[in-house]
All heavy atoms as atom14 arrays in JSON, in Angstrom:
{
  "sequence": "HAFSDSSPFVLFSTSKLNTPEKYDQLQTSNQVIASAKDILSSCPT",
  "atom14_mask": [
    [1, 1, 1, 1, 1, 1, 1, 1, 1, 1, 0, 0, 0, 0],
    [1, 1, 1, 1, 1, 0, 0, 0, 0, 0, 0, 0, 0, 0],
    [1, 1, 1, 1, 1, 1, 1, 1, 1, 1, 1, 0, 0, 0],
    [1, 1, 1, 1, 1, 1, 0, 0, 0, 0, 0, 0, 0, 0],
    [1, 1, 1, 1, 1, 1, 1, 1, 0, 0, 0, 0, 0, 0],
    [1, 1, 1, 1, 1, 1, 0, 0, 0, 0, 0, 0, 0, 0],
    [1, 1, 1, 1, 1, 1, 0, 0, 0, 0, 0, 0, 0, 0],
    [1, 1, 1, 1, 1, 1, 1, 0, 0, 0, 0, 0, 0, 0],
    [1, 1, 1, 1, 1, 1, 1, 1, 1, 1, 1, 0, 0, 0],
    [1, 1, 1, 1, 1, 1, 1, 0, 0, 0, 0, 0, 0, 0],
    [1, 1, 1, 1, 1, 1, 1, 1, 0, 0, 0, 0, 0, 0],
    [1, 1, 1, 1, 1, 1, 1, 1, 1, 1, 1, 0, 0, 0],
    [1, 1, 1, 1, 1, 1, 0, 0, 0, 0, 0, 0, 0, 0],
    [1, 1, 1, 1, 1, 1, 1, 0, 0, 0, 0, 0, 0, 0],
    [1, 1, 1, 1, 1, 1, 0, 0, 0, 0, 0, 0, 0, 0],
    [1, 1, 1, 1, 1, 1, 1, 1, 1, 0, 0, 0, 0, 0],
    [1, 1, 1, 1, 1, 1, 1, 1, 0, 0, 0, 0, 0, 0],
    [1, 1, 1, 1, 1, 1, 1, 1, 0, 0, 0, 0, 0, 0],
    [1, 1, 1, 1, 1, 1, 1, 0, 0, 0, 0, 0, 0, 0],
    [1, 1, 1, 1, 1, 1, 1, 0, 0, 0, 0, 0, 0, 0],
    [1, 1, 1, 1, 1, 1, 1, 1, 1, 0, 0, 0, 0, 0],
    [1, 1, 1, 1, 1, 1, 1, 1, 1, 0, 0, 0, 0, 0],
    [1, 1, 1, 1, 1, 1, 1, 1, 1, 1, 1, 1, 0, 0],
    [1, 1, 1, 1, 1, 1, 1, 1, 0, 0, 0, 0, 0, 0],
    [1, 1, 1, 1, 1, 1, 1, 1, 1, 0, 0, 0, 0, 0],
    [1, 1, 1, 1, 1, 1, 1, 1, 0, 0, 0, 0, 0, 0],
    [1, 1, 1, 1, 1, 1, 1, 1, 1, 0, 0, 0, 0, 0],
    [1, 1, 1, 1, 1, 1, 1, 0, 0, 0, 0, 0, 0, 0],
    [1, 1, 1, 1, 1, 1, 0, 0, 0, 0, 0, 0, 0, 0],
    [1, 1, 1, 1, 1, 1, 1, 1, 0, 0, 0, 0, 0, 0],
    [1, 1, 1, 1, 1, 1, 1, 1, 1, 0, 0, 0, 0, 0],
    [1, 1, 1, 1, 1, 1, 1, 0, 0, 0, 0, 0, 0, 0],
    [1, 1, 1, 1, 1, 1, 1, 1, 0, 0, 0, 0, 0, 0],
    [1, 1, 1, 1, 1, 0, 0, 0, 0, 0, 0, 0, 0, 0],
    [1, 1, 1, 1, 1, 1, 0, 0, 0, 0, 0, 0, 0, 0],
    [1, 1, 1, 1, 1, 0, 0, 0, 0, 0, 0, 0, 0, 0],
    [1, 1, 1, 1, 1, 1, 1, 1, 1, 0, 0, 0, 0, 0],
    [1, 1, 1, 1, 1, 1, 1, 1, 0, 0, 0, 0, 0, 0],
    [1, 1, 1, 1, 1, 1, 1, 1, 0, 0, 0, 0, 0, 0],
    [1, 1, 1, 1, 1, 1, 1, 1, 0, 0, 0, 0, 0, 0],
    [1, 1, 1, 1, 1, 1, 0, 0, 0, 0, 0, 0, 0, 0],
    [1, 1, 1, 1, 1, 1, 0, 0, 0, 0, 0, 0, 0, 0],
    [1, 1, 1, 1, 1, 1, 0, 0, 0, 0, 0, 0, 0, 0],
    [1, 1, 1, 1, 1, 1, 1, 0, 0, 0, 0, 0, 0, 0],
    [1, 1, 1, 1, 1, 1, 1, 0, 0, 0, 0, 0, 0, 0]
  ],
  "atom14_positions": [
    [[-15.58, -3.59, 10.05], [-15.16, -4.24, 11.28], [-13.9, -5.05, 11.01], [-13.71, -5.62, 9.95], [-16.28, -5.16, 11.78], [-17.49, -4.41, 12.18], [-17.57, -3.68, 13.34], [-18.69, -4.27, 11.56], [-18.76, -3.13, 13.43], [-19.45, -3.47, 12.35], [0.0, 0.0, 0.0], [0.0, 0.0, 0.0], [0.0, 0.0, 0.0], [0.0, 0.0, 0.0]],
    [[-13.06, -5.1, 12.0], [-11.78, -5.77, 11.85], [-11.94, -7.26, 11.8], [-12.78, -7.84, 12.45], [-10.87, -5.4, 13.02], [0.0, 0.0, 0.0], [0.0, 0.0, 0.0], [0.0, 0.0, 0.0], [0.0, 0.0, 0.0], [0.0, 0.0, 0.0], [0.0, 0.0, 0.0], [0.0, 0.0, 0.0], [0.0, 0.0, 0.0], [0.0, 0.0, 0.0]],
    [[-11.12, -7.87, 10.97], [-11.02, -9.32, 10.97], [-10.01, -9.73, 12.03], [-9.08, -9.0, 12.34], [-10.59, -9.82, 9.59], [-11.64, -9.59, 8.53], [-11.69, -8.39, 7.83], [-12.57, -10.55, 8.27], [-12.64, -8.18, 6.87], [-13.54, -10.35, 7.3], [-13.58, -9.17, 6.6], [0.0, 0.0, 0.0], [0.0, 0.0, 0.0], [0.0, 0.0, 0.0]],
    [[-10.21, -10.92, 12.57], [-9.35, -11.35, 13.67], [-7.94, -11.64, 13.22], [-7.03, -11.75, 14.04], [-9.94, -12.6, 14.33], [-10.04, -13.64, 13.39], [0.0, 0.0, 0.0], [0.0, 0.0, 0.0], [0.0, 0.0, 0.0], [0.0, 0.0, 0.0], [0.0, 0.0, 0.0], [0.0, 0.0, 0.0], [0.0, 0.0, 0.0], [0.0, 0.0, 0.0]],
    [[-7.69, -11.78, 11.9], [-6.35, -12.09, 11.41], [-5.86, -11.03, 10.43], [-5.18, -11.33, 9.46], [-6.35, -13.46, 10.74], [-7.33, -13.55, 9.59], [-8.18, -12.63, 9.48], [-7.26, -14.5, 8.8], [0.0, 0.0, 0.0], [0.0, 0.0, 0.0], [0.0, 0.0, 0.0], [0.0, 0.0, 0.0], [0.0, 0.0, 0.0], [0.0, 0.0, 0.0]],
    [[-6.2, -9.77, 10.66], [-5.81, -8.7, 9.74], [-5.15, -7.57, 10.5], [-5.23, -7.47, 11.73], [-7.03, -8.18, 8.97], [-7.93, -7.56, 9.86], [0.0, 0.0, 0.0], [0.0, 0.0, 0.0], [0.0, 0.0, 0.0], [0.0, 0.0, 0.0], [0.0, 0.0, 0.0], [0.0, 0.0, 0.0], [0.0, 0.0, 0.0], [0.0, 0.0, 0.0]],
    [[-4.51, -6.67, 9.76], [-3.82, -5.52, 10.35], [-3.75, -4.42, 9.3], [-3.86, -4.67, 8.1], [-2.4, -5.92, 10.79], [-1.67, -6.41, 9.68], [0.0, 0.0, 0.0], [0.0, 0.0, 0.0], [0.0, 0.0, 0.0], [0.0, 0.0, 0.0], [0.0, 0.0, 0.0], [0.0, 0.0, 0.0], [0.0, 0.0, 0.0], [0.0, 0.0, 0.0]],
    [[-3.57, -3.16, 9.72], [-3.51, -2.05, 8.75], [-2.11, -1.88, 8.16], [-1.11, -2.34, 8.71], [-3.9, -0.85, 9.61], [-3.43, -1.2, 10.98], [-3.61, -2.68, 11.12], [0.0, 0.0, 0.0], [0.0, 0.0, 0.0], [0.0, 0.0, 0.0], [0.0, 0.0, 0.0], [0.0, 0.0, 0.0], [0.0, 0.0, 0.0], [0.0, 0.0, 0.0]],
    [[-2.08, -1.2, 7.03], [-0.83, -0.85, 6.35], [-0.89, 0.62, 5.98], [-1.87, 1.08, 5.38], [-0.63, -1.71, 5.1], [0.59, -1.34, 4.31], [1.83, -1.88, 4.62], [0.5, -0.46, 3.23], [2.95, -1.54, 3.89], [1.62, -0.13, 2.49], [2.84, -0.66, 2.82], [0.0, 0.0, 0.0], [0.0, 0.0, 0.0], [0.0, 0.0, 0.0]],
    [[0.16, 1.38, 6.33], [0.2, 2.82, 6.07], [1.51, 3.17, 5.39], [2.59, 2.72, 5.81], [0.05, 3.62, 7.38], [0.16, 5.12, 7.1], [-1.26, 3.31, 8.06], [0.0, 0.0, 0.0], [0.0, 0.0, 0.0], [0.0, 0.0, 0.0], [0.0, 0.0, 0.0], [0.0, 0.0, 0.0], [0.0, 0.0, 0.0], [0.0, 0.0, 0.0]],
    [[1.41, 3.96, 4.33], [2.6, 4.45, 3.61], [2.33, 5.89, 3.21], [1.31, 6.18, 2.58], [2.89, 3.59, 2.38], [4.19, 3.85, 1.6], [4.63, 2.58, 0.88], [4.03, 4.98, 0.57], [0.0, 0.0, 0.0], [0.0, 0.0, 0.0], [0.0, 0.0, 0.0], [0.0, 0.0, 0.0], [0.0, 0.0, 0.0], [0.0, 0.0, 0.0]],
    [[3.21, 6.81, 3.58], [3.08, 8.2, 3.14], [4.49, 8.78, 2.95], [5.47, 8.28, 3.5], [2.27, 9.04, 4.12], [2.84, 9.11, 5.52], [3.75, 10.08, 5.87], [2.43, 8.22, 6.49], [4.28, 10.17, 7.14], [2.94, 8.3, 7.78], [3.87, 9.27, 8.11], [0.0, 0.0, 0.0], [0.0, 0.0, 0.0], [0.0, 0.0, 0.0]],
    [[4.53, 9.84, 2.16], [5.83, 10.39, 1.78], [5.72, 11.9, 1.57], [4.65, 12.43, 1.26], [6.33, 9.72, 0.49], [7.53, 10.3, 0.05], [0.0, 0.0, 0.0], [0.0, 0.0, 0.0], [0.0, 0.0, 0.0], [0.0, 0.0, 0.0], [0.0, 0.0, 0.0], [0.0, 0.0, 0.0], [0.0, 0.0, 0.0], [0.0, 0.0, 0.0]],
    [[6.86, 12.57, 1.75], [6.94, 14.0, 1.46], [7.06, 14.26, -0.03], [7.01, 15.41, -0.47], [8.13, 14.62, 2.19], [9.33, 13.93, 1.81], [7.95, 14.54, 3.69], [0.0, 0.0, 0.0], [0.0, 0.0, 0.0], [0.0, 0.0, 0.0], [0.0, 0.0, 0.0], [0.0, 0.0, 0.0], [0.0, 0.0, 0.0], [0.0, 0.0, 0.0]],
    [[7.24, 13.2, -0.8], [7.32, 13.31, -2.26], [6.05, 12.75, -2.87], [5.35, 11.92, -2.27], [8.53, 12.55, -2.78], [8.59, 12.58, -4.19], [0.0, 0.0, 0.0], [0.0, 0.0, 0.0], [0.0, 0.0, 0.0], [0.0, 0.0, 0.0], [0.0, 0.0, 0.0], [0.0, 0.0, 0.0], [0.0, 0.0, 0.0], [0.0, 0.0, 0.0]],
    [[5.73, 13.17, -4.08], [4.57, 12.64, -4.77], [4.8, 11.17, -5.13], [5.87, 10.8, -5.6], [4.28, 13.45, -6.04], [3.8, 14.87, -5.75], [3.44, 15.59, -7.03], [2.92, 17.0, -6.74], [2.55, 17.73, -7.98], [0.0, 0.0, 0.0], [0.0, 0.0, 0.0], [0.0, 0.0, 0.0], [0.0, 0.0, 0.0], [0.0, 0.0, 0.0]],
    [[3.75, 10.38, -4.92], [3.84, 8.95, -5.16], [2.91, 8.54, -6.29], [1.85, 9.13, -6.49], [3.47, 8.17, -3.89], [4.3, 8.45, -2.64], [3.76, 7.66, -1.46], [5.77, 8.09, -2.87], [0.0, 0.0, 0.0], [0.0, 0.0, 0.0], [0.0, 0.0, 0.0], [0.0, 0.0, 0.0], [0.0, 0.0, 0.0], [0.0, 0.0, 0.0]],
    [[3.34, 7.51, -6.98], [2.53, 6.96, -8.07], [1.6, 5.88, -7.48], [1.83, 4.68, -7.62], [3.42, 6.38, -9.16], [2.62, 5.91, -10.37], [1.49, 6.34, -10.58], [3.2, 5.02, -11.15], [0.0, 0.0, 0.0], [0.0, 0.0, 0.0], [0.0, 0.0, 0.0], [0.0, 0.0, 0.0], [0.0, 0.0, 0.0], [0.0, 0.0, 0.0]],
    [[0.57, 6.33, -6.8], [-0.36, 5.41, -6.13], [-1.53, 5.08, -7.05], [-1.92, 5.9, -7.89], [-0.89, 6.03, -4.83], [-1.53, 7.28, -5.14], [0.25, 6.28, -3.86], [0.0, 0.0, 0.0], [0.0, 0.0, 0.0], [0.0, 0.0, 0.0], [0.0, 0.0, 0.0], [0.0, 0.0, 0.0], [0.0, 0.0, 0.0], [0.0, 0.0, 0.0]],
    [[-2.11, 3.9, -6.89], [-3.3, 3.57, -7.7], [-4.47, 4.44, -7.33], [-4.63, 4.86, -6.18], [-3.55, 2.09, -7.35], [-2.88, 1.87, -6.04], [-1.69, 2.78, -6.02], [0.0, 0.0, 0.0], [0.0, 0.0, 0.0], [0.0, 0.0, 0.0], [0.0, 0.0, 0.0], [0.0, 0.0, 0.0], [0.0, 0.0, 0.0], [0.0, 0.0, 0.0]],
    [[-5.3, 4.77, -8.32], [-6.44, 5.64, -8.07], [-7.49, 4.96, -7.2], [-8.08, 5.57, -6.31], [-7.07, 6.07, -9.4], [-6.15, 6.94, -10.25], [-6.82, 7.39, -11.53], [-8.0, 6.98, -11.75], [-6.2, 8.12, -12.31], [0.0, 0.0, 0.0], [0.0, 0.0, 0.0], [0.0, 0.0, 0.0], [0.0, 0.0, 0.0], [0.0, 0.0, 0.0]],
    [[-7.75, 3.67, -7.44], [-8.75, 2.93, -6.67], [-8.14, 1.61, -6.21], [-7.44, 0.94, -6.98], [-10.0, 2.66, -7.51], [-10.76, 3.92, -7.92], [-12.0, 3.56, -8.73], [-12.78, 4.81, -9.12], [-14.0, 4.47, -9.91], [0.0, 0.0, 0.0], [0.0, 0.0, 0.0], [0.0, 0.0, 0.0], [0.0, 0.0, 0.0], [0.0, 0.0, 0.0]],
    [[-8.4, 1.28, -4.99], [-7.93, 0.0, -4.46], [-8.81, -0.39, -3.28], [-9.42, 0.45, -2.62], [-6.45, 0.08, -4.04], [-6.11, 1.22, -3.12], [-6.2, 1.1, -1.73], [-5.7, 2.45, -3.65], [-5.9, 2.16, -0.91], [-5.39, 3.52, -2.82], [-5.49, 3.36, -1.45], [-5.18, 4.41, -0.63], [0.0, 0.0, 0.0], [0.0, 0.0, 0.0]],
    [[-8.86, -1.68, -3.03], [-9.71, -2.21, -1.97], [-9.08, -1.97, -0.6], [-7.86, -1.95, -0.46], [-9.96, -3.7, -2.17], [-10.71, -4.0, -3.46], [-11.51, -3.14, -3.87], [-10.49, -5.08, -4.04], [0.0, 0.0, 0.0], [0.0, 0.0, 0.0], [0.0, 0.0, 0.0], [0.0, 0.0, 0.0], [0.0, 0.0, 0.0], [0.0, 0.0, 0.0]],
    [[-9.94, -1.82, 0.4], [-9.47, -1.68, 1.77], [-9.32, -3.03, 2.47], [-8.95, -3.08, 3.64], [-10.43, -0.8, 2.56], [-10.38, 0.67, 2.19], [-9.01, 1.28, 2.47], [-8.43, 1.06, 3.53], [-8.52, 2.06, 1.52], [0.0, 0.0, 0.0], [0.0, 0.0, 0.0], [0.0, 0.0, 0.0], [0.0, 0.0, 0.0], [0.0, 0.0, 0.0]],
    [[-9.58, -4.09, 1.77], [-9.34, -5.45, 2.27], [-8.5, -6.18, 1.22], [-8.98, -6.49, 0.13], [-10.65, -6.18, 2.53], [-10.53, -7.66, 2.91], [-9.74, -7.83, 4.19], [-11.9, -8.31, 3.04], [0.0, 0.0, 0.0], [0.0, 0.0, 0.0], [0.0, 0.0, 0.0], [0.0, 0.0, 0.0], [0.0, 0.0, 0.0], [0.0, 0.0, 0.0]],
    [[-7.24, -6.44, 1.56], [-6.32, -7.08, 0.63], [-5.47, -8.1, 1.37], [-5.34, -8.06, 2.6], [-5.41, -6.04, -0.06], [-6.14, -4.99, -0.86], [-5.18, -4.06, -1.6], [-4.05, -4.44, -1.93], [-5.62, -2.84, -1.86], [0.0, 0.0, 0.0], [0.0, 0.0, 0.0], [0.0, 0.0, 0.0], [0.0, 0.0, 0.0], [0.0, 0.0, 0.0]],
    [[-4.86, -8.98, 0.6], [-3.92, -9.92, 1.18], [-2.55, -9.25, 1.31], [-2.27, -8.22, 0.69], [-3.8, -11.18, 0.31], [-3.28, -10.81, -0.99], [-5.17, -11.83, 0.13], [0.0, 0.0, 0.0], [0.0, 0.0, 0.0], [0.0, 0.0, 0.0], [0.0, 0.0, 0.0], [0.0, 0.0, 0.0], [0.0, 0.0, 0.0], [0.0, 0.0, 0.0]],
    [[-1.69, -9.86, 2.09], [-0.36, -9.28, 2.29], [0.44, -9.26, 0.98], [1.2, -8.32, 0.74], [0.39, -10.08, 3.35], [0.47, -11.45, 3.0], [0.0, 0.0, 0.0], [0.0, 0.0, 0.0], [0.0, 0.0, 0.0], [0.0, 0.0, 0.0], [0.0, 0.0, 0.0], [0.0, 0.0, 0.0], [0.0, 0.0, 0.0], [0.0, 0.0, 0.0]],
    [[0.26, -10.26, 0.14], [0.97, -10.28, -1.14], [0.53, -9.13, -2.04], [1.36, -8.51, -2.73], [0.74, -11.62, -1.84], [1.38, -12.78, -1.11], [2.37, -12.61, -0.4], [0.83, -13.98, -1.27], [0.0, 0.0, 0.0], [0.0, 0.0, 0.0], [0.0, 0.0, 0.0], [0.0, 0.0, 0.0], [0.0, 0.0, 0.0], [0.0, 0.0, 0.0]],
    [[-0.76, -8.82, -2.04], [-1.25, -7.71, -2.85], [-0.69, -6.38, -2.35], [-0.29, -5.51, -3.14], [-2.78, -7.68, -2.83], [-3.44, -8.85, -3.54], [-4.95, -8.85, -3.38], [-5.47, -8.51, -2.31], [-5.65, -9.24, -4.42], [0.0, 0.0, 0.0], [0.0, 0.0, 0.0], [0.0, 0.0, 0.0], [0.0, 0.0, 0.0], [0.0, 0.0, 0.0]],
    [[-0.66, -6.2, -1.04], [-0.16, -4.95, -0.47], [1.33, -4.79, -0.73], [1.81, -3.7, -1.09], [-0.47, -4.9, 1.04], [0.22, -3.7, 1.69], [-1.96, -4.83, 1.27], [0.0, 0.0, 0.0], [0.0, 0.0, 0.0], [0.0, 0.0, 0.0], [0.0, 0.0, 0.0], [0.0, 0.0, 0.0], [0.0, 0.0, 0.0], [0.0, 0.0, 0.0]],
    [[2.09, -5.85, -0.57], [3.54, -5.78, -0.81], [3.82, -5.45, -2.27], [4.71, -4.64, -2.59], [4.21, -7.12, -0.42], [4.18, -7.3, 1.1], [5.64, -7.18, -0.92], [4.98, -6.28, 1.86], [0.0, 0.0, 0.0], [0.0, 0.0, 0.0], [0.0, 0.0, 0.0], [0.0, 0.0, 0.0], [0.0, 0.0, 0.0], [0.0, 0.0, 0.0]],
    [[3.03, -6.05, -3.18], [3.23, -5.75, -4.61], [2.93, -4.29, -4.91], [3.68, -3.63, -5.66], [2.33, -6.66, -5.44], [0.0, 0.0, 0.0], [0.0, 0.0, 0.0], [0.0, 0.0, 0.0], [0.0, 0.0, 0.0], [0.0, 0.0, 0.0], [0.0, 0.0, 0.0], [0.0, 0.0, 0.0], [0.0, 0.0, 0.0], [0.0, 0.0, 0.0]],
    [[1.85, -3.76, -4.31], [1.51, -2.34, -4.54], [2.59, -1.43, -3.94], [2.96, -0.41, -4.54], [0.15, -2.01, -3.94], [-0.88, -2.79, -4.54], [0.0, 0.0, 0.0], [0.0, 0.0, 0.0], [0.0, 0.0, 0.0], [0.0, 0.0, 0.0], [0.0, 0.0, 0.0], [0.0, 0.0, 0.0], [0.0, 0.0, 0.0], [0.0, 0.0, 0.0]],
    [[3.06, -1.77, -2.73], [4.1, -0.94, -2.09], [5.38, -0.94, -2.9], [6.06, 0.1, -3.03], [4.35, -1.46, -0.68], [0.0, 0.0, 0.0], [0.0, 0.0, 0.0], [0.0, 0.0, 0.0], [0.0, 0.0, 0.0], [0.0, 0.0, 0.0], [0.0, 0.0, 0.0], [0.0, 0.0, 0.0], [0.0, 0.0, 0.0], [0.0, 0.0, 0.0]],
    [[5.75, -2.07, -3.46], [6.97, -2.13, -4.28], [6.83, -1.29, -5.54], [7.8, -0.64, -5.98], [7.3, -3.58, -4.62], [7.82, -4.38, -3.44], [8.18, -5.8, -3.84], [8.76, -6.58, -2.65], [9.13, -7.97, -3.02], [0.0, 0.0, 0.0], [0.0, 0.0, 0.0], [0.0, 0.0, 0.0], [0.0, 0.0, 0.0], [0.0, 0.0, 0.0]],
    [[5.64, -1.3, -6.15], [5.42, -0.46, -7.33], [5.56, 1.02, -6.97], [6.1, 1.82, -7.76], [4.03, -0.73, -7.91], [3.94, -2.1, -8.56], [5.0, -2.66, -8.89], [2.81, -2.61, -8.7], [0.0, 0.0, 0.0], [0.0, 0.0, 0.0], [0.0, 0.0, 0.0], [0.0, 0.0, 0.0], [0.0, 0.0, 0.0], [0.0, 0.0, 0.0]],
    [[5.08, 1.4, -5.79], [5.16, 2.8, -5.37], [6.6, 3.2, -5.07], [7.05, 4.3, -5.42], [4.26, 3.03, -4.15], [2.78, 2.82, -4.52], [4.45, 4.43, -3.58], [1.84, 2.84, -3.33], [0.0, 0.0, 0.0], [0.0, 0.0, 0.0], [0.0, 0.0, 0.0], [0.0, 0.0, 0.0], [0.0, 0.0, 0.0], [0.0, 0.0, 0.0]],
    [[7.34, 2.31, -4.42], [8.71, 2.62, -4.0], [9.75, 2.33, -5.07], [10.94, 2.58, -4.84], [9.05, 1.8, -2.74], [8.17, 2.06, -1.51], [8.53, 1.1, -0.39], [8.31, 3.5, -1.04], [0.0, 0.0, 0.0], [0.0, 0.0, 0.0], [0.0, 0.0, 0.0], [0.0, 0.0, 0.0], [0.0, 0.0, 0.0], [0.0, 0.0, 0.0]],
    [[9.34, 1.83, -6.2], [10.31, 1.47, -7.24], [11.06, 2.67, -7.79], [12.19, 2.54, -8.28], [9.59, 0.74, -8.38], [8.59, 1.57, -8.96], [0.0, 0.0, 0.0], [0.0, 0.0, 0.0], [0.0, 0.0, 0.0], [0.0, 0.0, 0.0], [0.0, 0.0, 0.0], [0.0, 0.0, 0.0], [0.0, 0.0, 0.0], [0.0, 0.0, 0.0]],
    [[10.47, 3.85, -7.69], [11.12, 5.06, -8.2], [12.07, 5.7, -7.2], [12.66, 6.74, -7.51], [10.05, 6.08, -8.63], [9.25, 6.45, -7.51], [0.0, 0.0, 0.0], [0.0, 0.0, 0.0], [0.0, 0.0, 0.0], [0.0, 0.0, 0.0], [0.0, 0.0, 0.0], [0.0, 0.0, 0.0], [0.0, 0.0, 0.0], [0.0, 0.0, 0.0]],
    [[12.18, 5.11, -5.99], [13.04, 5.67, -4.93], [12.71, 7.15, -4.72], [13.55, 8.03, -4.96], [14.51, 5.47, -5.27], [15.64, 5.85, -3.9], [0.0, 0.0, 0.0], [0.0, 0.0, 0.0], [0.0, 0.0, 0.0], [0.0, 0.0, 0.0], [0.0, 0.0, 0.0], [0.0, 0.0, 0.0], [0.0, 0.0, 0.0], [0.0, 0.0, 0.0]],
    [[11.5, 7.46, -4.26], [11.02, 8.84, -4.26], [11.75, 9.77, -3.3], [11.82, 10.98, -3.54], [9.54, 8.7, -3.86], [9.48, 7.41, -3.11], [10.49, 6.52, -3.72], [0.0, 0.0, 0.0], [0.0, 0.0, 0.0], [0.0, 0.0, 0.0], [0.0, 0.0, 0.0], [0.0, 0.0, 0.0], [0.0, 0.0, 0.0], [0.0, 0.0, 0.0]],
    [[12.3, 9.27, -2.2], [12.93, 10.14, -1.2], [14.31, 9.6, -0.82], [14.71, 8.51, -1.23], [12.06, 10.25, 0.06], [11.82, 8.94, 0.58], [10.72, 10.91, -0.25], [0.0, 0.0, 0.0], [0.0, 0.0, 0.0], [0.0, 0.0, 0.0], [0.0, 0.0, 0.0], [0.0, 0.0, 0.0], [0.0, 0.0, 0.0], [0.0, 0.0, 0.0]]
  ]
}
């Protein structure tokens, strides 16, 4: 169930991404931004 102060985050690419194998579906914005930066650090597209 949704929290009243939360929102979804979606990232997908036509290139293969170095995504973590397991991660929680409830995270803080700082955790999500850190994970997104790790994925985009290789400039995949």
